[in-house]
Protein backbone atom coordinates (compact mmCIF):
# COMPACT_ATOMS: atom_id res chain seq x y z
CA MET A 1 10.75 -36.14 -11.07
CA VAL A 2 9.68 -32.30 -11.28
CA ILE A 3 5.79 -32.67 -10.27
CA THR A 4 4.74 -29.32 -12.48
CA LEU A 5 5.64 -31.91 -15.62
CA SER A 6 5.43 -35.66 -14.66
CA TYR A 7 2.59 -35.55 -12.31
CA PRO A 8 0.45 -32.64 -13.08
CA ALA A 9 -2.60 -34.42 -11.67
CA LEU A 10 -1.62 -33.70 -8.38
CA LEU A 11 -1.55 -29.92 -9.00
CA PRO A 12 -5.26 -29.34 -8.49
CA GLU A 13 -4.60 -30.71 -4.89
CA ILE A 14 -1.26 -28.54 -4.54
CA ARG A 15 -3.38 -25.71 -5.59
CA HIS A 16 -5.87 -26.31 -2.97
CA TYR A 17 -3.49 -26.94 -0.06
CA PRO A 18 -3.68 -23.69 1.82
CA GLY A 19 0.24 -24.21 2.79
CA GLY A 20 2.74 -26.43 4.71
CA ILE A 21 3.91 -29.94 4.17
CA LEU A 22 1.81 -32.18 1.96
CA PRO A 23 3.72 -35.93 1.60
CA LYS A 24 2.45 -37.92 -1.35
CA ARG A 25 3.11 -41.51 -2.47
CA SER A 26 4.78 -41.36 -5.77
CA PRO A 27 2.14 -41.93 -8.58
CA ASP A 28 4.34 -44.32 -10.00
CA GLY A 29 4.70 -46.47 -7.53
CA ILE A 30 8.31 -45.77 -6.88
CA GLY A 31 9.14 -43.93 -3.78
CA HIS A 32 7.55 -40.87 -1.94
CA LEU A 33 7.25 -37.33 -2.35
CA LEU A 34 7.11 -34.50 0.27
CA ILE A 35 5.97 -31.36 -1.38
CA ILE A 36 6.83 -28.34 1.11
CA LYS A 37 4.55 -25.26 -0.09
CA MET A 38 5.82 -22.23 1.47
CA PRO A 39 7.05 -18.43 0.74
CA LYS A 40 10.37 -18.16 -0.97
CA GLU A 41 12.31 -17.04 2.45
CA TYR A 42 11.72 -20.49 3.29
CA ILE A 43 12.58 -21.94 0.17
CA LEU A 44 16.15 -20.43 -0.07
CA ALA A 45 17.07 -20.77 3.25
CA ALA A 46 16.70 -24.75 2.74
CA LYS A 47 18.40 -24.35 -0.31
CA LEU A 48 21.19 -22.51 1.11
CA SER A 49 22.07 -24.95 3.67
CA GLY A 50 21.11 -28.18 1.76
CA PHE A 51 18.82 -29.66 4.57
CA ILE A 52 15.67 -29.24 6.59
CA LYS A 53 15.09 -30.45 10.51
CA MET A 54 12.03 -31.70 11.65
CA TYR A 55 11.51 -31.71 15.57
CA LEU A 56 8.98 -34.04 17.18
CA ALA A 57 8.08 -32.11 19.81
CA PRO A 58 6.92 -33.67 23.19
CA VAL A 59 4.21 -31.87 24.52
CA GLU A 60 1.36 -32.31 26.68
CA ILE A 61 -2.03 -31.28 25.99
CA SER A 62 -4.82 -31.46 28.65
CA GLY A 63 -3.07 -34.08 30.93
CA ALA A 64 -2.32 -36.30 27.66
CA LYS A 65 1.13 -36.78 26.36
CA VAL A 66 1.29 -35.43 22.26
CA VAL A 67 4.03 -34.82 19.63
CA GLY A 68 3.58 -32.14 17.03
CA LEU A 69 5.84 -31.43 14.21
CA LEU A 70 7.97 -28.25 13.95
CA THR A 71 9.96 -28.04 10.39
CA ALA A 72 13.02 -25.85 10.64
CA PHE A 73 14.46 -23.69 7.65
CA PHE A 74 17.93 -22.42 8.70
CA ASP A 75 18.36 -18.72 7.55
CA ASP A 76 19.66 -18.52 11.72
CA HIS A 77 21.12 -21.13 13.59
CA ASP A 78 19.42 -20.03 17.09
CA GLU A 79 16.00 -18.31 15.32
CA PRO A 80 15.45 -19.99 12.16
CA LEU A 81 12.13 -19.67 10.46
CA THR A 82 9.82 -22.37 11.13
CA LEU A 83 6.42 -23.99 9.96
CA VAL A 84 4.19 -26.21 12.78
CA THR A 85 2.24 -28.40 11.67
CA PRO A 86 -0.34 -30.06 14.28
CA LEU A 87 0.18 -33.88 13.91
CA MET A 88 -2.99 -35.97 14.14
CA ASP A 89 -4.01 -39.22 13.93
CA ASP A 90 -5.04 -39.32 10.42
CA ASP A 91 -3.53 -40.01 6.90
CA LEU A 92 -1.40 -37.32 6.46
CA SER A 93 0.67 -38.22 9.71
CA GLU A 94 0.78 -41.84 8.24
CA ASP A 95 1.82 -40.66 4.73
CA LEU A 96 4.62 -38.44 6.49
CA PHE A 97 6.18 -40.98 8.34
CA ALA A 98 6.50 -43.16 5.43
CA ALA A 99 8.11 -41.11 3.71
CA LEU A 100 10.27 -40.33 6.15
CA ASN A 101 11.13 -43.88 6.15
CA SER A 102 11.04 -44.67 2.44
CA GLN A 103 14.63 -45.13 0.61
CA SER A 104 13.44 -43.07 -2.00
CA LEU A 105 12.44 -40.00 -1.15
CA SER A 106 12.18 -36.18 -3.23
CA VAL A 107 11.45 -33.12 -1.71
CA HIS A 108 9.53 -30.61 -3.91
CA PHE A 109 9.25 -26.96 -3.09
CA PHE A 110 6.30 -24.89 -4.50
CA ASP A 111 5.73 -21.58 -3.41
CA GLU A 112 2.34 -20.20 -1.67
CA HIS A 113 1.01 -19.71 -5.40
CA SER A 114 1.69 -23.29 -6.33
CA ARG A 115 5.09 -22.62 -8.69
CA GLU A 116 7.40 -25.43 -8.38
CA HIS A 117 10.93 -24.28 -7.66
CA PHE A 118 13.35 -26.99 -6.51
CA VAL A 119 13.32 -30.64 -6.67
CA PHE A 120 15.96 -32.62 -4.54
CA LYS A 121 16.54 -36.05 -3.99
CA SER A 122 16.69 -36.59 -0.52
CA LYS A 123 17.24 -38.31 2.55
CA ALA A 124 15.85 -38.55 5.90
CA ILE A 125 18.00 -39.35 8.84
CA ILE A 126 16.11 -40.18 11.62
CA PRO A 127 17.70 -40.80 15.32
CA GLU A 128 16.26 -43.26 17.85
CA PRO A 129 14.42 -40.92 20.00
CA SER A 130 12.42 -39.73 17.11
CA ARG A 131 12.13 -43.04 15.59
CA GLN A 132 10.28 -44.34 19.17
CA ARG A 133 7.99 -41.05 19.39
CA ILE A 134 7.04 -41.91 15.82
CA ALA A 135 6.29 -45.76 17.03
CA LYS A 136 4.54 -44.96 20.11
CA ASN A 137 1.60 -43.20 17.82
CA PHE A 138 1.56 -40.12 20.32
CA LEU A 139 -1.02 -38.03 18.02
CA LEU A 140 -3.75 -35.90 18.87
CA ARG A 141 -7.26 -37.56 18.22
CA ASN A 142 -9.30 -34.57 19.49
CA PRO A 143 -9.60 -31.32 16.51
CA MET A 144 -10.74 -29.10 19.18
CA GLN A 145 -7.06 -29.27 20.75
CA LEU A 146 -5.41 -27.92 17.73
CA GLY A 147 -5.41 -24.43 18.81
CA SER A 148 -3.62 -25.52 22.29
CA LEU A 149 -1.01 -27.99 20.35
CA LEU A 150 -0.20 -25.07 17.90
CA ASP A 151 0.57 -23.00 20.78
CA ALA A 152 2.56 -25.31 22.63
CA ILE A 153 5.16 -26.84 20.06
CA PRO A 154 6.59 -22.97 19.22
CA HIS A 155 7.10 -22.37 23.11
CA TRP A 156 8.72 -25.97 23.34
CA PHE A 157 10.78 -25.15 20.41
CA SER A 158 11.69 -21.71 22.29
CA LEU A 159 13.38 -23.70 25.03
CA ARG A 160 14.96 -26.77 23.31
CA THR A 161 18.36 -27.95 24.52
CA ASP A 162 21.07 -29.11 22.23
CA ARG A 163 19.92 -32.75 22.86
CA ASP A 164 16.68 -31.51 21.18
CA ASP A 165 18.72 -30.77 18.45
CA LEU A 166 20.34 -33.57 18.06
CA GLU A 167 17.37 -35.37 18.17
CA ALA A 168 15.27 -33.75 15.42
CA ILE A 169 14.82 -35.73 11.79
CA VAL A 170 17.16 -34.06 9.23
CA ILE A 171 16.22 -34.13 5.60
CA GLU A 172 19.37 -33.98 3.34
CA PHE A 173 19.40 -32.62 0.21
CA SER A 174 21.70 -35.05 -1.52
CA GLU A 175 21.32 -34.21 -5.24
CA MET A 176 19.04 -31.18 -7.56
CA GLU A 177 16.89 -32.36 -10.14
CA PHE A 178 15.38 -29.13 -10.85
CA GLY A 179 15.87 -25.44 -9.65
CA ASP A 180 17.14 -22.23 -10.10
CA VAL A 181 14.77 -21.15 -12.77
CA ALA A 182 12.65 -17.93 -13.47
CA ILE A 183 8.83 -18.99 -13.91
CA GLN A 184 7.13 -16.88 -16.42
CA ASP A 185 3.29 -16.69 -16.50
CA LEU A 186 1.30 -15.92 -19.57
CA GLN A 187 -1.84 -17.03 -18.76
CA PRO A 188 -4.67 -14.14 -19.78
CA LYS A 189 -6.51 -14.90 -16.49
CA SER A 190 -3.84 -14.18 -14.14
CA HIS A 191 -3.51 -10.55 -15.67
CA GLN A 192 -6.98 -9.38 -15.62
CA TYR A 193 -6.24 -6.11 -13.49
CA HIS A 194 -5.26 -2.69 -14.32
CA GLY A 195 -2.01 -2.03 -15.09
CA ALA A 196 -1.28 -5.68 -15.97
CA ARG A 197 1.97 -6.33 -18.36
CA GLY A 198 -0.22 -9.35 -19.75
CA TYR A 199 2.61 -11.63 -17.96
CA SER A 200 4.38 -11.80 -14.87
CA HIS A 201 7.59 -13.82 -13.82
CA THR A 202 8.95 -15.17 -10.58
CA GLN A 203 12.01 -16.45 -9.20
CA VAL A 204 13.34 -17.46 -5.47
CA GLU A 205 16.48 -15.68 -4.84
CA ARG A 206 15.39 -11.81 -5.87
CA LYS A 207 18.27 -8.50 -6.00
CA GLU A 208 15.30 -6.24 -6.84
CA PRO A 209 11.80 -7.23 -4.87
CA GLY A 210 9.88 -4.53 -6.02
CA SER A 211 7.58 -5.61 -9.07
CA TYR A 212 8.15 -9.38 -8.12
CA GLN A 213 6.34 -8.55 -4.58
CA GLU A 214 3.34 -6.50 -5.83
CA GLU A 215 2.51 -9.10 -8.39
CA ASP A 216 2.64 -11.85 -5.99
CA ILE A 217 0.54 -9.07 -3.89
CA ILE A 218 -2.01 -8.84 -6.54
CA ARG A 219 -2.06 -12.88 -6.97
CA CYS A 220 -3.46 -13.03 -3.09
CA LEU A 221 -5.88 -10.28 -3.49
CA SER A 222 -7.18 -11.74 -6.98
CA MET A 223 -8.50 -14.82 -4.41
CA CYS A 224 -10.94 -12.39 -2.22
CA PHE A 225 -11.49 -9.53 -5.09
CA GLU A 226 -12.59 -9.16 -8.37
CA GLN A 227 -9.27 -8.24 -10.54
CA LYS A 228 -11.00 -5.44 -12.18
CA GLN A 229 -11.29 -4.01 -9.05
CA ILE A 230 -7.56 -4.21 -8.62
CA TYR A 231 -5.05 -1.15 -10.07
CA HIS A 232 -1.32 -1.52 -10.02
CA SER A 233 1.10 1.42 -9.15
CA PRO A 234 -1.76 4.32 -9.71
CA LEU A 235 -0.15 7.62 -10.57
CA ARG A 236 -1.22 11.27 -9.37
CA CYS A 237 -2.34 13.15 -11.84
CA HIS A 238 -0.49 16.52 -11.08
CA ASP A 239 3.11 15.06 -11.05
CA LYS A 240 2.70 11.28 -12.08
CA GLU A 241 4.04 9.98 -8.89
CA GLU A 242 2.85 6.76 -7.43
CA VAL A 243 -0.03 7.10 -4.83
CA CYS A 244 0.50 3.66 -3.26
CA ASP A 245 1.45 0.42 -4.74
CA ILE A 246 -1.75 -1.20 -4.96
CA LEU A 247 -5.15 0.30 -5.00
CA VAL A 248 -8.36 -1.94 -4.79
CA VAL A 249 -12.10 -0.04 -5.38
CA THR A 250 -15.13 -2.29 -4.68
CA ARG A 251 -18.82 -1.19 -4.19
CA LYS A 252 -18.41 0.00 -0.77
CA ARG A 253 -14.33 0.12 0.29
CA VAL A 254 -11.41 1.69 -1.06
CA LEU A 255 -8.28 -0.19 0.25
CA ILE A 256 -4.92 1.60 0.01
CA VAL A 257 -2.28 -1.36 0.12
CA GLN A 258 1.59 -0.10 0.58
CA ALA A 259 4.12 -2.88 0.37
CA LYS A 260 7.81 -3.30 1.43
CA ASP A 261 9.79 -5.90 0.68
CA SER A 262 13.56 -6.42 0.61
CA PRO A 263 15.85 -8.56 -1.80
CA ASN A 264 15.64 -12.47 -1.44
CA THR A 265 19.48 -13.14 -1.47
CA GLU A 266 21.92 -15.16 0.42
CA ALA A 267 23.15 -12.18 1.96
CA ILE A 268 19.89 -10.99 2.96
CA SER A 269 19.15 -14.57 4.01
CA HIS A 270 22.01 -14.77 6.80
CA GLN A 271 21.82 -11.72 8.19
CA LYS A 272 21.90 -11.94 12.00
CA ILE A 273 18.04 -11.94 13.60
CA SER A 274 18.58 -8.39 15.11
CA ARG A 275 19.07 -6.80 11.98
CA LYS A 276 16.33 -8.41 10.35
CA ARG A 277 14.16 -6.90 13.39
CA SER A 278 15.62 -3.48 12.93
CA ASN A 279 14.73 -3.74 9.21
CA VAL A 280 11.25 -4.55 10.24
CA MET A 281 10.49 -1.29 11.97
CA HIS A 282 12.62 0.66 9.14
CA ALA A 283 10.27 -0.90 6.46
CA LEU A 284 7.08 0.04 8.58
CA ASN A 285 8.12 3.39 9.55
CA LYS A 286 8.76 4.32 5.50
CA ALA A 287 5.40 2.69 4.99
CA ILE A 288 3.38 4.42 7.31
CA GLY A 289 4.82 7.44 5.95
CA GLN A 290 3.91 6.42 2.10
CA VAL A 291 0.27 5.65 3.44
CA LYS A 292 0.21 9.20 4.90
CA GLY A 293 1.15 10.29 1.48
CA ALA A 294 -1.52 8.50 -0.32
CA LEU A 295 -4.23 9.39 2.27
CA GLY A 296 -3.50 13.17 1.56
CA TYR A 297 -3.73 12.69 -2.30
CA ILE A 298 -7.10 10.20 -1.95
CA GLN A 299 -8.91 12.58 0.50
CA LYS A 300 -8.98 15.40 -1.60
CA PHE A 301 -11.43 13.50 -3.88
CA ASP A 302 -15.52 13.99 -2.43
CA HIS A 303 -16.92 11.73 -5.29
CA THR A 304 -14.31 10.43 -8.51
CA LEU A 305 -10.85 9.73 -7.46
CA ASP A 306 -8.90 10.35 -10.67
CA PHE A 307 -5.33 9.30 -11.31
CA PHE A 308 -2.93 7.53 -14.25
CA ILE A 309 -2.40 3.88 -14.88
CA GLY A 310 0.32 4.36 -17.14
CA ASP A 311 -0.72 6.86 -19.78
CA GLU A 312 -4.22 6.05 -19.60
CA LEU A 313 -6.86 8.41 -17.22
CA HIS A 314 -8.88 6.73 -14.79
CA GLY A 315 -11.55 8.10 -12.55
CA VAL A 316 -13.34 5.72 -9.97
CA ASN A 317 -16.26 6.57 -7.68
CA ILE A 318 -15.45 6.80 -3.94
CA ALA A 319 -18.22 8.82 -2.77
CA ASN A 320 -19.66 7.32 0.33
CA LYS A 321 -17.17 4.02 0.38
CA GLU A 322 -14.98 3.28 3.70
CA LYS A 323 -11.35 3.90 3.02
CA LYS A 324 -8.81 1.22 4.70
CA THR A 325 -5.19 0.98 4.49
CA LEU A 326 -3.01 -2.09 4.11
CA ILE A 327 0.72 -2.30 5.31
CA VAL A 328 2.24 -5.41 3.79
CA VAL A 329 5.96 -6.17 4.55
CA LYS A 330 8.41 -9.14 4.49
CA GLU A 331 8.40 -10.25 7.85
CA LEU A 332 6.91 -9.46 11.25
CA PHE A 333 7.99 -11.10 14.71
CA ASN A 334 5.13 -12.39 17.27
CA ASP A 335 7.29 -10.81 20.28
CA GLN A 336 7.55 -7.63 18.45
CA TYR A 337 4.00 -6.39 17.93
CA PHE A 338 4.59 -3.95 21.43
CA GLU A 339 6.79 -2.18 19.08
CA TYR A 340 4.78 -2.25 16.01
CA SER A 341 1.23 -1.28 17.16
CA PRO A 342 2.00 2.43 18.30
CA PRO A 343 2.90 4.02 15.07
CA LEU A 344 0.05 2.22 13.55
CA LEU A 345 -2.52 3.20 16.07
CA GLN A 346 -1.20 6.89 16.07
CA ILE A 347 -1.81 7.32 11.98
CA MET A 348 -5.30 5.40 12.62
CA ALA A 349 -6.22 8.12 15.27
CA GLU A 350 -4.57 11.30 13.04
CA LYS A 351 -6.14 10.04 9.45
CA ASN A 352 -9.44 8.41 11.11
CA VAL A 353 -8.53 5.77 8.61
CA ASP A 354 -8.46 2.08 9.96
CA VAL A 355 -4.85 0.55 9.34
CA VAL A 356 -3.48 -3.18 9.47
CA ALA A 357 -0.13 -4.41 9.14
CA LEU A 358 0.60 -7.88 8.00
CA ASP A 359 3.47 -9.87 6.65
CA TYR A 360 3.13 -11.28 3.24
CA PRO A 361 2.98 -14.90 4.28
CA GLU A 362 0.08 -13.71 6.61
CA LEU A 363 -1.77 -11.80 3.82
CA TYR A 364 -1.86 -15.00 1.80
CA LYS A 365 -3.07 -17.03 4.49
CA TYR A 366 -5.94 -14.41 4.88
CA CYS A 367 -6.87 -14.60 1.04
CA ALA A 368 -6.25 -18.51 0.88
CA HIS A 369 -8.59 -19.05 3.78
CA LEU A 370 -11.00 -16.19 3.20
CA ALA A 371 -13.63 -16.80 0.24
CA ASP A 372 -14.64 -13.22 -0.40
CA GLU A 373 -14.29 -9.18 0.01
CA GLU A 374 -16.83 -9.43 2.87
CA GLU A 375 -14.85 -12.79 4.66
CA PHE A 376 -11.75 -10.30 4.39
CA PHE A 377 -12.91 -7.21 5.86
CA GLU A 378 -14.38 -9.11 8.63
CA ALA A 379 -11.30 -10.31 9.52
CA TYR A 380 -9.61 -7.00 9.03
CA ASP A 381 -11.79 -5.11 11.21
CA ARG A 382 -11.60 -8.00 13.95
CA VAL A 383 -7.94 -6.97 13.92
CA VAL A 384 -8.47 -3.27 14.00
CA GLU A 385 -11.43 -3.14 16.92
CA THR A 386 -9.33 -5.41 19.10
CA ALA A 387 -6.14 -3.51 18.31
CA LYS A 388 -8.10 -0.23 19.53
CA GLU A 389 -9.58 -2.31 22.87
CA ARG A 390 -5.78 -3.90 23.84
CA GLY A 391 -3.39 -0.97 22.42
CA GLU A 392 -1.59 -3.82 20.28
CA TYR A 393 -2.79 -5.78 17.25
CA PRO A 394 -3.56 -9.10 17.17
CA ARG A 395 -2.62 -11.61 14.91
CA LEU A 396 -5.38 -14.29 13.50
CA ARG A 397 -5.38 -17.92 13.19
CA PHE A 398 -6.98 -19.65 10.34
CA GLY A 399 -7.98 -23.58 9.62
CA VAL A 400 -8.34 -24.55 13.23
CA PRO A 401 -11.88 -25.22 15.13
CA GLN A 402 -12.26 -22.83 17.68
């Protein structure tokens, strides 16, 4: 069953859910649903491999033994894409374990914008060690320790053994009930920004990423900014070349957004990690060059910034407004920030303009968790100040008690 068509009453909860794993009992009372809300790269990796693995990671927090959940999506055997879920002694954990033990389980893949892409009839294979960890109920009870658990689980996974792989829960997809479709959005409310075509479409596999990614970024930004403040693909007046991918102009600020993505295909998904790391640096350096060009154009204007959207001339007031830049790439690796940071800090010093680089899933988290422009830029400014102080950009964590 496709949730979007068969159980639409669940959609508001899915839309409100910021992302991750959401287990539910089927509304018809027959079996369980495992809703996985993640970006397209995770969905494609799961579809291509035909399974996902769930590791019940045994870790110690403040002297107490607990388990956390790490779900692996195998685009790479040694370093797969991962999702960390800090299990607590609550309904979500109870519902998850019930779903894993269900004789009738379907896995539903939604992207971050709550669009349902795939449905698989599935079966969970639970090795005895994992079954024992479930039975012993080693679950976190103090929410103030969530941060420590979130740190401990990836560390455990980085040191995992062959035995840990064998003890992991495997969710096998036995039959695709729905998938491999292009989804089109014709809702006027989704296309109120400048440069909108009046419609948009998406699919998991993308041979040409450009417009797909930019429209997804605009969907994210629309959570924090009014759509009338967003300009898609502004063009320079003198030569009609693109200023930047997206421009956001508010009462107090100008945000220049430059996006860099790559195709989402089987060949790209299966690239070696070393190649993916190299691609990130190439994309980042290219985006930095484009940001310099955008700033060169925009900084020529003192009061009214002129540009075209298609054939329509726009003039927006930028007098006395803070100028900030945002680079969005496909993926950033936590252990590579010592490489990412120097060129970003250099352009920030050269142009005297704040610069932040996020990968797309991280941008979504900012926009999903931050209510408006002020909260967005409070987080943005915190990242910039920390980068200036420490010489390396941090990654913020959302939804965890501090």
